[in-house]
Amino acid sequence: MRALVFGESGQVARELARVAAVRGIEARFLGRGAADLADPEACARAVRAAEADVVVNAAAYTQVDQAEDEPGLAETVNAAAPGAIAAAASARGVPLLHVSTDYVFDGRAGRPWREGDETGPLSVYGASKLAGERLVAAGNPDHTILRTAWVFSGHGRNFVRTMLTVGRGRGEMRVVGDQRGCPTWAGDIAAALWTIAAAWTAGRGRAGVFHYAGAPAVSWAEFAEAIFARSGWPDRPRVVPIATREWPTKARRPANSVLDCAAIDAAYGLAQPDWREALDGVVAEIGRAQG
């Protein structure tokens, strides 16, 4: 299988490269210098020039709060560029795998979100990602859109690294306790994407939107407690759950972004991964890097 991947240094892209090496997948990764998503036509040209069996878009504008001040750029990167990639891939008869987000929902459901539930993003970021989903679906009938949530890894900007950086030496950490979601290891997302890509190249791809995120669902405060429990610090900080209103941010976040992941298991045999298993290794990796 030959794959063209948009993204190079992000959490998912780096894990895609690692898993590809293990599985013997021939993958070409395009960083911003090779194909900047701020230039949709450049991305389309990259697809047209590539000899690929599948295209994966693992790149995005992910600065949720900053997007409130840069809506145009967020829309270009998260919507216009994926749409251009989808159309170019379709013209070549190549399927597109596209990574999206739980932030397409408004968070008001009292149960895990299913793929067919009504969307209602609360932020510019969420709206731009939803627009990207729609343009991908319109641009290429052979697509799989993977909505995921609360991505973490041993590299890049994520909640685990933040907690292990700012929490050291602190007696107490105030962390939001009334937002619930599904922490998801980037390595699990990468493995899932390659499994889906293999299904498409074997003629067994299933088009549409699928949810794939870790279990069990927790609050940010509970996630922080799990991180510190694995830190090995003799005096780890005490986590104090607080309300969202006590930690105001420029962009609104959904209170409930828990995803129902039954559909992807039925379609691709991808069971919901336990994020706690991956967290042990990620915390150890970050600890080694921090010395």
Protein backbone atom coordinates (compact mmCIF):
# COMPACT_ATOMS: atom_id res chain seq x y z
CA MET A 1 0.00 0.00 0.00
CA ARG A 2 1.25 3.45 -0.98
CA ALA A 3 -0.07 6.31 1.10
CA LEU A 4 0.16 10.08 0.86
CA VAL A 5 -0.19 11.69 4.29
CA PHE A 6 -0.83 15.37 4.97
CA GLY A 7 0.96 16.11 8.22
CA GLU A 8 4.45 15.39 9.43
CA SER A 9 5.15 16.75 12.91
CA GLY A 10 1.73 16.54 14.55
CA GLN A 11 0.79 13.92 17.13
CA VAL A 12 -1.16 11.65 14.78
CA ALA A 13 1.20 12.12 11.83
CA ARG A 14 4.22 11.10 13.90
CA GLU A 15 2.43 8.01 15.12
CA LEU A 16 1.31 7.22 11.58
CA ALA A 17 4.97 7.19 10.56
CA ARG A 18 5.90 4.91 13.45
CA VAL A 19 3.12 2.42 12.74
CA ALA A 20 3.78 2.53 8.99
CA ALA A 21 7.40 1.49 9.59
CA VAL A 22 6.25 -1.44 11.70
CA ARG A 23 3.61 -2.57 9.20
CA GLY A 24 5.79 -2.07 6.13
CA ILE A 25 3.55 0.62 4.63
CA GLU A 26 5.08 2.91 2.00
CA ALA A 27 4.02 6.34 3.20
CA ARG A 28 5.05 9.81 2.11
CA PHE A 29 4.48 12.55 4.68
CA LEU A 30 3.92 16.15 3.63
CA GLY A 31 4.82 18.86 6.10
CA ARG A 32 3.91 22.51 5.72
CA GLY A 33 6.91 23.16 3.49
CA ALA A 34 5.73 20.57 0.97
CA ALA A 35 1.99 21.25 1.15
CA ASP A 36 0.66 24.06 3.32
CA LEU A 37 -3.03 23.61 4.13
CA ALA A 38 -3.31 27.39 4.09
CA ASP A 39 -2.95 26.95 0.31
CA PRO A 40 -5.66 24.48 -0.76
CA GLU A 41 -4.59 24.44 -4.40
CA ALA A 42 -1.04 23.45 -3.40
CA CYS A 43 -2.52 20.53 -1.50
CA ALA A 44 -4.59 19.50 -4.51
CA ARG A 45 -1.48 19.63 -6.71
CA ALA A 46 0.35 17.38 -4.28
CA VAL A 47 -2.42 14.78 -4.58
CA ARG A 48 -2.46 15.00 -8.37
CA ALA A 49 1.31 14.52 -8.51
CA ALA A 50 1.44 11.54 -6.16
CA GLU A 51 1.26 7.85 -6.94
CA ALA A 52 -0.83 6.76 -4.00
CA ASP A 53 -3.42 4.12 -3.19
CA VAL A 54 -4.86 6.14 -0.33
CA VAL A 55 -4.63 9.72 0.98
CA VAL A 56 -4.73 10.50 4.71
CA ASN A 57 -5.29 13.99 6.07
CA ALA A 58 -3.82 14.14 9.57
CA ALA A 59 -3.07 17.87 9.50
CA ALA A 60 -5.28 20.61 10.89
CA TYR A 61 -5.50 23.98 12.59
CA THR A 62 -5.88 22.82 16.20
CA GLN A 63 -5.38 25.98 18.28
CA VAL A 64 -8.92 26.07 19.62
CA ASP A 65 -8.77 29.44 21.37
CA GLN A 66 -6.59 31.15 18.76
CA ALA A 67 -9.08 30.14 16.08
CA GLU A 68 -11.55 32.60 17.59
CA ASP A 69 -9.20 35.36 16.41
CA GLU A 70 -8.28 33.68 13.10
CA PRO A 71 -11.55 32.30 11.74
CA GLY A 72 -10.52 32.75 8.14
CA LEU A 73 -7.31 30.78 8.53
CA ALA A 74 -9.06 28.05 10.53
CA GLU A 75 -11.71 27.75 7.81
CA THR A 76 -9.09 27.52 5.07
CA VAL A 77 -6.95 24.91 6.82
CA ASN A 78 -9.75 22.82 8.31
CA ALA A 79 -12.34 23.07 5.56
CA ALA A 80 -11.20 24.46 2.20
CA ALA A 81 -7.96 22.46 2.09
CA PRO A 82 -9.55 19.10 3.01
CA GLY A 83 -12.23 19.79 0.40
CA ALA A 84 -9.57 20.42 -2.25
CA ILE A 85 -7.68 17.28 -1.20
CA ALA A 86 -10.88 15.24 -1.38
CA ALA A 87 -11.74 16.44 -4.87
CA ALA A 88 -8.22 15.83 -6.17
CA ALA A 89 -8.15 12.34 -4.66
CA SER A 90 -11.57 11.56 -6.14
CA ALA A 91 -10.37 12.61 -9.59
CA ARG A 92 -7.66 9.99 -9.28
CA GLY A 93 -10.01 7.35 -7.91
CA VAL A 94 -8.25 7.34 -4.55
CA PRO A 95 -10.00 7.17 -1.15
CA LEU A 96 -9.44 9.84 1.50
CA LEU A 97 -9.20 9.30 5.25
CA HIS A 98 -9.79 12.50 7.22
CA VAL A 99 -9.40 13.14 10.96
CA SER A 100 -12.07 15.24 12.66
CA THR A 101 -13.12 16.08 16.20
CA ASP A 102 -15.66 15.73 19.01
CA TYR A 103 -15.94 19.53 19.02
CA VAL A 104 -18.52 19.35 16.20
CA PHE A 105 -21.09 18.72 18.98
CA ASP A 106 -22.58 21.20 21.45
CA GLY A 107 -22.09 18.91 24.45
CA ARG A 108 -25.69 18.98 25.66
CA ALA A 109 -26.62 15.33 25.07
CA GLY A 110 -27.06 13.18 28.14
CA ARG A 111 -25.44 10.16 26.50
CA PRO A 112 -22.47 9.40 24.23
CA TRP A 113 -22.70 11.03 20.83
CA ARG A 114 -23.52 8.86 17.81
CA GLU A 115 -22.45 9.62 14.26
CA GLY A 116 -25.96 10.59 13.14
CA ASP A 117 -26.65 12.99 15.99
CA GLU A 118 -27.30 16.62 15.20
CA THR A 119 -24.12 18.68 15.28
CA GLY A 120 -23.81 22.13 16.82
CA PRO A 121 -20.25 23.35 17.32
CA LEU A 122 -19.70 25.99 19.98
CA SER A 123 -16.42 27.36 18.62
CA VAL A 124 -14.82 28.57 15.43
CA TYR A 125 -12.54 25.54 15.55
CA GLY A 126 -15.48 23.13 15.82
CA ALA A 127 -17.37 24.89 13.06
CA SER A 128 -14.36 24.80 10.74
CA LYS A 129 -13.89 21.08 11.34
CA LEU A 130 -17.57 20.39 10.66
CA ALA A 131 -17.32 22.38 7.43
CA GLY A 132 -14.32 20.24 6.53
CA GLU A 133 -16.29 17.05 7.08
CA ARG A 134 -19.00 18.26 4.74
CA LEU A 135 -16.58 19.31 2.00
CA VAL A 136 -14.71 16.00 2.24
CA ALA A 137 -17.94 14.05 1.90
CA ALA A 138 -19.08 16.20 -1.02
CA GLY A 139 -15.71 16.05 -2.76
CA ASN A 140 -15.02 12.32 -2.64
CA PRO A 141 -17.57 9.51 -2.29
CA ASP A 142 -14.76 7.20 -1.15
CA HIS A 143 -14.02 8.75 2.23
CA THR A 144 -13.80 7.80 5.87
CA ILE A 145 -14.05 10.64 8.37
CA LEU A 146 -12.70 9.70 11.78
CA ARG A 147 -13.95 11.81 14.66
CA THR A 148 -11.74 11.46 17.70
CA ALA A 149 -11.19 13.30 20.99
CA TRP A 150 -8.73 14.50 23.62
CA VAL A 151 -5.65 13.29 21.71
CA PHE A 152 -2.47 12.71 23.70
CA SER A 153 1.02 11.34 23.06
CA GLY A 154 4.59 11.74 24.22
CA HIS A 155 5.17 14.63 21.83
CA GLY A 156 3.41 17.75 20.64
CA ARG A 157 1.01 19.94 22.60
CA ASN A 158 -1.46 17.93 24.64
CA PHE A 159 -3.00 17.69 28.11
CA VAL A 160 -0.68 14.96 29.39
CA ARG A 161 2.46 16.91 28.59
CA THR A 162 0.94 20.07 30.02
CA MET A 163 0.08 18.40 33.33
CA LEU A 164 3.53 16.85 33.65
CA THR A 165 5.15 20.20 32.90
CA VAL A 166 3.13 22.60 35.03
CA GLY A 167 2.24 20.15 37.79
CA ARG A 168 5.75 19.33 38.96
CA GLY A 169 6.42 20.79 42.38
CA ARG A 170 2.86 22.03 42.79
CA GLY A 171 0.88 21.12 45.88
CA GLU A 172 -2.44 21.60 44.14
CA MET A 173 -3.80 21.68 40.59
CA ARG A 174 -7.20 23.16 39.77
CA VAL A 175 -8.60 21.28 36.78
CA VAL A 176 -12.00 21.48 35.09
CA GLY A 177 -14.24 18.73 36.39
CA ASP A 178 -17.53 19.32 34.57
CA GLN A 179 -16.38 18.55 31.01
CA ARG A 180 -16.33 14.85 30.10
CA GLY A 181 -14.72 13.16 27.15
CA CYS A 182 -12.62 10.30 25.86
CA PRO A 183 -8.82 10.56 26.07
CA THR A 184 -7.30 8.93 23.00
CA TRP A 185 -3.70 7.94 22.37
CA ALA A 186 -2.40 9.15 18.99
CA GLY A 187 -0.85 5.72 18.45
CA ASP A 188 -4.26 4.08 18.61
CA ILE A 189 -5.63 6.59 16.12
CA ALA A 190 -2.73 5.90 13.76
CA ALA A 191 -3.22 2.14 13.96
CA ALA A 192 -6.94 2.58 13.29
CA LEU A 193 -6.28 4.78 10.26
CA TRP A 194 -3.91 2.25 8.72
CA THR A 195 -6.44 -0.53 9.32
CA ILE A 196 -9.10 1.52 7.55
CA ALA A 197 -6.69 2.35 4.72
CA ALA A 198 -5.94 -1.35 4.24
CA ALA A 199 -9.66 -2.07 4.06
CA TRP A 200 -10.12 0.52 1.32
CA THR A 201 -7.22 -0.83 -0.74
CA ALA A 202 -8.68 -4.32 -0.38
CA GLY A 203 -12.04 -3.13 -1.68
CA ARG A 204 -13.71 -3.29 1.74
CA GLY A 205 -13.81 0.38 2.64
CA ARG A 206 -16.92 1.85 4.22
CA ALA A 207 -17.70 5.47 3.46
CA GLY A 208 -19.00 7.87 6.06
CA VAL A 209 -18.32 9.33 9.49
CA PHE A 210 -17.09 7.11 12.31
CA HIS A 211 -16.27 7.77 15.95
CA TYR A 212 -13.05 6.38 17.41
CA ALA A 213 -11.90 7.42 20.87
CA GLY A 214 -10.57 5.91 24.06
CA ALA A 215 -12.44 4.51 27.05
CA PRO A 216 -13.47 4.97 29.78
CA ALA A 217 -14.94 8.44 29.63
CA VAL A 218 -13.60 10.83 32.28
CA SER A 219 -13.50 14.50 33.21
CA TRP A 220 -10.37 16.57 32.71
CA ALA A 221 -9.84 16.45 36.49
CA GLU A 222 -10.09 12.66 36.54
CA PHE A 223 -7.70 12.47 33.60
CA ALA A 224 -5.24 14.68 35.48
CA GLU A 225 -5.46 12.40 38.52
CA ALA A 226 -4.64 9.40 36.34
CA ILE A 227 -1.64 11.22 34.84
CA PHE A 228 -0.20 12.21 38.22
CA ALA A 229 -0.80 8.71 39.61
CA ARG A 230 1.62 7.44 36.96
CA SER A 231 4.17 10.23 37.36
CA GLY A 232 6.29 8.51 39.98
CA TRP A 233 6.61 11.82 41.83
CA PRO A 234 6.91 11.33 45.60
CA ASP A 235 4.73 14.41 46.23
CA ARG A 236 2.32 14.65 43.35
CA PRO A 237 -0.18 17.51 43.33
CA ARG A 238 -3.69 17.19 44.67
CA VAL A 239 -6.25 17.68 41.90
CA VAL A 240 -9.10 20.03 42.76
CA PRO A 241 -12.05 19.79 40.32
CA ILE A 242 -13.46 23.17 39.32
CA ALA A 243 -16.35 24.34 37.16
CA THR A 244 -15.83 25.50 33.59
CA ARG A 245 -16.89 29.00 34.60
CA GLU A 246 -13.92 29.15 36.97
CA TRP A 247 -11.50 28.58 34.07
CA PRO A 248 -12.77 30.85 31.29
CA THR A 249 -11.38 30.36 27.80
CA LYS A 250 -11.90 32.32 24.60
CA ALA A 251 -13.54 29.34 22.87
CA ARG A 252 -16.40 27.40 24.42
CA ARG A 253 -15.90 23.66 24.91
CA PRO A 254 -18.65 21.00 24.94
CA ALA A 255 -19.53 19.78 28.43
CA ASN A 256 -20.13 16.27 27.12
CA SER A 257 -18.00 15.14 24.20
CA VAL A 258 -18.11 11.42 24.95
CA LEU A 259 -18.29 9.47 21.66
CA ASP A 260 -20.21 6.26 20.97
CA CYS A 261 -17.76 4.06 19.06
CA ALA A 262 -19.93 1.04 18.25
CA ALA A 263 -20.24 1.81 14.52
CA ILE A 264 -16.54 1.64 13.72
CA ASP A 265 -16.25 -1.69 15.53
CA ALA A 266 -19.06 -3.10 13.39
CA ALA A 267 -17.66 -1.66 10.14
CA TYR A 268 -13.92 -2.15 10.62
CA GLY A 269 -13.50 -4.39 13.65
CA LEU A 270 -11.91 -1.58 15.63
CA ALA A 271 -12.81 -1.94 19.29
CA GLN A 272 -12.63 1.09 21.55
CA PRO A 273 -9.12 1.22 23.06
CA ASP A 274 -8.42 1.65 26.78
CA TRP A 275 -6.45 4.90 27.08
CA ARG A 276 -5.10 3.87 30.48
CA GLU A 277 -2.94 1.19 28.88
CA ALA A 278 -1.26 3.72 26.59
CA LEU A 279 -0.96 6.38 29.29
CA ASP A 280 1.61 4.37 31.23
CA GLY A 281 4.02 4.37 28.30
CA VAL A 282 3.35 7.99 27.36
CA VAL A 283 4.01 9.27 30.89
CA ALA A 284 7.23 7.25 30.99
CA GLU A 285 8.29 8.66 27.61
CA ILE A 286 7.68 12.22 28.72
CA GLY A 287 9.48 11.58 31.99
CA ARG A 288 12.57 10.38 30.14
CA ALA A 289 12.51 13.45 27.89
CA GLN A 290 12.18 15.78 30.87
CA GLY A 291 15.01 14.03 32.70
